[in-house]
């Protein structure tokens, strides 16, 4: 059976150790992210939303000036923008950290 070019069986242990180390790092970073809070505002700060890294809304602040009984739709839109902005921040940071961790994994020696 021919060996595929670049694959060295002795490197398998090193790759497994590297994968385990990366998994631990990912778990640690994920736990850190879940504890963080992300805040975004809309309407010039009239509405502010805070979410956790678990993507749970934990705080919503609405300025009394933003409450207009004749224009509820604008307030609803500001709430949506603020919440989505905070969620987007959490998602972007999570993606960036995971990319940084996984970029260190060298898979070039695998036979597939």
C-alpha atoms as a PDB file:
ATOM      1  CA  UNK A   1       0.000   0.000   0.000  1.00  0.00           C
ATOM      2  CA  UNK A   2       1.495   3.327  -1.049  1.00  0.00           C
ATOM      3  CA  UNK A   3       1.851   6.103   1.467  1.00  0.00           C
ATOM      4  CA  UNK A   4       0.436   9.438   0.554  1.00  0.00           C
ATOM      5  CA  UNK A   5       2.996  12.129   0.092  1.00  0.00           C
ATOM      6  CA  UNK A   6       3.499  14.325   3.151  1.00  0.00           C
ATOM      7  CA  UNK A   7       1.939  11.945   5.683  1.00  0.00           C
ATOM      8  CA  UNK A   8       4.300  10.827   8.417  1.00  0.00           C
ATOM      9  CA  UNK A   9       2.675   8.331  10.835  1.00  0.00           C
ATOM     10  CA  UNK A  10       4.927   9.432  13.724  1.00  0.00           C
ATOM     11  CA  UNK A  11       3.337  12.873  13.612  1.00  0.00           C
ATOM     12  CA  UNK A  12      -0.086  11.479  14.515  1.00  0.00           C
ATOM     13  CA  UNK A  13       0.600  11.724  18.267  1.00  0.00           C
ATOM     14  CA  UNK A  14       1.719  15.324  17.886  1.00  0.00           C
ATOM     15  CA  UNK A  15      -1.390  16.147  15.882  1.00  0.00           C
ATOM     16  CA  UNK A  16      -3.617  14.529  18.511  1.00  0.00           C
ATOM     17  CA  UNK A  17      -1.920  16.495  21.286  1.00  0.00           C
ATOM     18  CA  UNK A  18      -2.302  19.663  19.262  1.00  0.00           C
ATOM     19  CA  UNK A  19      -5.997  18.948  18.653  1.00  0.00           C
ATOM     20  CA  UNK A  20      -6.578  18.282  22.372  1.00  0.00           C
ATOM     21  CA  UNK A  21      -4.781  21.503  23.301  1.00  0.00           C
ATOM     22  CA  UNK A  22      -6.881  23.412  20.772  1.00  0.00           C
ATOM     23  CA  UNK A  23     -10.081  21.869  22.160  1.00  0.00           C
ATOM     24  CA  UNK A  24      -9.147  22.960  25.703  1.00  0.00           C
ATOM     25  CA  UNK A  25      -8.385  26.465  24.464  1.00  0.00           C
ATOM     26  CA  UNK A  26     -11.707  26.631  22.645  1.00  0.00           C
ATOM     27  CA  UNK A  27     -13.602  25.481  25.741  1.00  0.00           C
ATOM     28  CA  UNK A  28     -11.817  28.064  27.910  1.00  0.00           C
ATOM     29  CA  UNK A  29     -12.448  30.886  25.437  1.00  0.00           C
ATOM     30  CA  UNK A  30     -16.084  29.856  25.022  1.00  0.00           C
ATOM     31  CA  UNK A  31     -16.577  29.998  28.795  1.00  0.00           C
ATOM     32  CA  UNK A  32     -14.972  33.465  28.862  1.00  0.00           C
ATOM     33  CA  UNK A  33     -17.204  34.649  26.018  1.00  0.00           C
ATOM     34  CA  UNK A  34     -20.329  33.395  27.753  1.00  0.00           C
ATOM     35  CA  UNK A  35     -19.523  35.606  30.752  1.00  0.00           C
ATOM     36  CA  UNK A  36     -18.947  38.760  28.703  1.00  0.00           C
ATOM     37  CA  UNK A  37     -21.589  41.370  27.979  1.00  0.00           C
ATOM     38  CA  UNK A  38     -22.079  43.290  24.751  1.00  0.00           C
ATOM     39  CA  UNK A  39     -24.022  46.530  24.519  1.00  0.00           C
ATOM     40  CA  UNK A  40     -25.318  48.378  21.475  1.00  0.00           C
ATOM     41  CA  UNK A  41     -27.467  51.468  21.114  1.00  0.00           C
ATOM     42  CA  UNK A  42     -29.898  52.808  18.542  1.00  0.00           C
ATOM     43  CA  UNK A  43     -31.685  56.088  17.962  1.00  0.00           C
ATOM     44  CA  UNK A  44     -28.737  58.126  19.180  1.00  0.00           C
ATOM     45  CA  UNK A  45     -28.709  56.233  22.464  1.00  0.00           C
ATOM     46  CA  UNK A  46     -32.472  56.344  23.000  1.00  0.00           C
ATOM     47  CA  UNK A  47     -32.503  52.549  23.171  1.00  0.00           C
ATOM     48  CA  UNK A  48     -29.677  50.455  24.581  1.00  0.00           C
ATOM     49  CA  UNK A  49     -29.534  46.648  24.674  1.00  0.00           C
ATOM     50  CA  UNK A  50     -27.104  44.384  26.504  1.00  0.00           C
ATOM     51  CA  UNK A  51     -26.659  40.693  25.745  1.00  0.00           C
ATOM     52  CA  UNK A  52     -24.352  38.020  27.109  1.00  0.00           C
ATOM     53  CA  UNK A  53     -21.976  35.833  25.166  1.00  0.00           C
ATOM     54  CA  UNK A  54     -24.676  33.182  25.501  1.00  0.00           C
ATOM     55  CA  UNK A  55     -26.768  35.532  23.347  1.00  0.00           C
ATOM     56  CA  UNK A  56     -29.311  36.266  26.064  1.00  0.00           C
ATOM     57  CA  UNK A  57     -30.798  39.731  26.403  1.00  0.00           C
ATOM     58  CA  UNK A  58     -30.050  40.856  29.963  1.00  0.00           C
ATOM     59  CA  UNK A  59     -30.784  44.568  29.868  1.00  0.00           C
ATOM     60  CA  UNK A  60     -32.898  46.912  27.795  1.00  0.00           C
ATOM     61  CA  UNK A  61     -32.878  50.637  28.478  1.00  0.00           C
ATOM     62  CA  UNK A  62     -35.371  52.943  26.779  1.00  0.00           C
ATOM     63  CA  UNK A  63     -35.154  56.692  27.176  1.00  0.00           C
ATOM     64  CA  UNK A  64     -38.515  58.282  28.090  1.00  0.00           C
ATOM     65  CA  UNK A  65     -37.958  60.634  25.144  1.00  0.00           C
ATOM     66  CA  UNK A  66     -38.103  57.629  22.797  1.00  0.00           C
ATOM     67  CA  UNK A  67     -41.626  56.722  23.879  1.00  0.00           C
ATOM     68  CA  UNK A  68     -44.131  58.321  21.552  1.00  0.00           C
ATOM     69  CA  UNK A  69     -47.595  56.694  21.709  1.00  0.00           C
ATOM     70  CA  UNK A  70     -48.243  57.951  18.186  1.00  0.00           C
ATOM     71  CA  UNK A  71     -45.086  56.332  16.798  1.00  0.00           C
ATOM     72  CA  UNK A  72     -44.641  52.914  18.401  1.00  0.00           C
ATOM     73  CA  UNK A  73     -43.110  51.509  15.204  1.00  0.00           C
ATOM     74  CA  UNK A  74     -40.007  53.687  15.517  1.00  0.00           C
ATOM     75  CA  UNK A  75     -39.431  52.500  19.075  1.00  0.00           C
ATOM     76  CA  UNK A  76     -39.852  48.891  17.977  1.00  0.00           C
ATOM     77  CA  UNK A  77     -37.336  49.425  15.178  1.00  0.00           C
ATOM     78  CA  UNK A  78     -34.814  50.978  17.580  1.00  0.00           C
ATOM     79  CA  UNK A  79     -35.160  48.023  19.947  1.00  0.00           C
ATOM     80  CA  UNK A  80     -34.557  45.564  17.118  1.00  0.00           C
ATOM     81  CA  UNK A  81     -31.504  47.502  15.892  1.00  0.00           C
ATOM     82  CA  UNK A  82     -29.991  47.708  19.386  1.00  0.00           C
ATOM     83  CA  UNK A  83     -30.562  44.027  20.212  1.00  0.00           C
ATOM     84  CA  UNK A  84     -29.272  42.843  16.842  1.00  0.00           C
ATOM     85  CA  UNK A  85     -26.230  45.104  17.176  1.00  0.00           C
ATOM     86  CA  UNK A  86     -25.327  43.645  20.564  1.00  0.00           C
ATOM     87  CA  UNK A  87     -25.867  40.082  19.301  1.00  0.00           C
ATOM     88  CA  UNK A  88     -23.690  40.828  16.288  1.00  0.00           C
ATOM     89  CA  UNK A  89     -20.863  42.028  18.547  1.00  0.00           C
ATOM     90  CA  UNK A  90     -21.031  38.809  20.548  1.00  0.00           C
ATOM     91  CA  UNK A  91     -21.035  36.680  17.402  1.00  0.00           C
ATOM     92  CA  UNK A  92     -18.138  38.565  15.801  1.00  0.00           C
ATOM     93  CA  UNK A  93     -15.931  38.204  18.870  1.00  0.00           C
ATOM     94  CA  UNK A  94     -16.745  34.504  19.145  1.00  0.00           C
ATOM     95  CA  UNK A  95     -15.938  33.925  15.476  1.00  0.00           C
ATOM     96  CA  UNK A  96     -12.671  35.866  15.736  1.00  0.00           C
ATOM     97  CA  UNK A  97     -11.478  33.926  18.784  1.00  0.00           C
ATOM     98  CA  UNK A  98     -12.324  30.565  17.254  1.00  0.00           C
ATOM     99  CA  UNK A  99     -10.561  31.489  13.992  1.00  0.00           C
ATOM    100  CA  UNK A 100      -7.466  32.521  15.957  1.00  0.00           C
ATOM    101  CA  UNK A 101      -7.407  29.241  17.871  1.00  0.00           C
ATOM    102  CA  UNK A 102      -8.025  27.028  14.843  1.00  0.00           C
ATOM    103  CA  UNK A 103      -5.457  28.854  12.688  1.00  0.00           C
ATOM    104  CA  UNK A 104      -2.726  27.213  14.772  1.00  0.00           C
ATOM    105  CA  UNK A 105      -3.827  23.723  13.807  1.00  0.00           C
ATOM    106  CA  UNK A 106      -1.562  22.304  11.112  1.00  0.00           C
ATOM    107  CA  UNK A 107      -3.493  19.725   9.086  1.00  0.00           C
ATOM    108  CA  UNK A 108      -1.116  19.597   6.116  1.00  0.00           C
ATOM    109  CA  UNK A 109       0.362  16.245   7.104  1.00  0.00           C
ATOM    110  CA  UNK A 110      -2.926  14.348   7.189  1.00  0.00           C
ATOM    111  CA  UNK A 111      -3.510  11.655   4.558  1.00  0.00           C
ATOM    112  CA  UNK A 112      -6.875  13.047   3.447  1.00  0.00           C
END
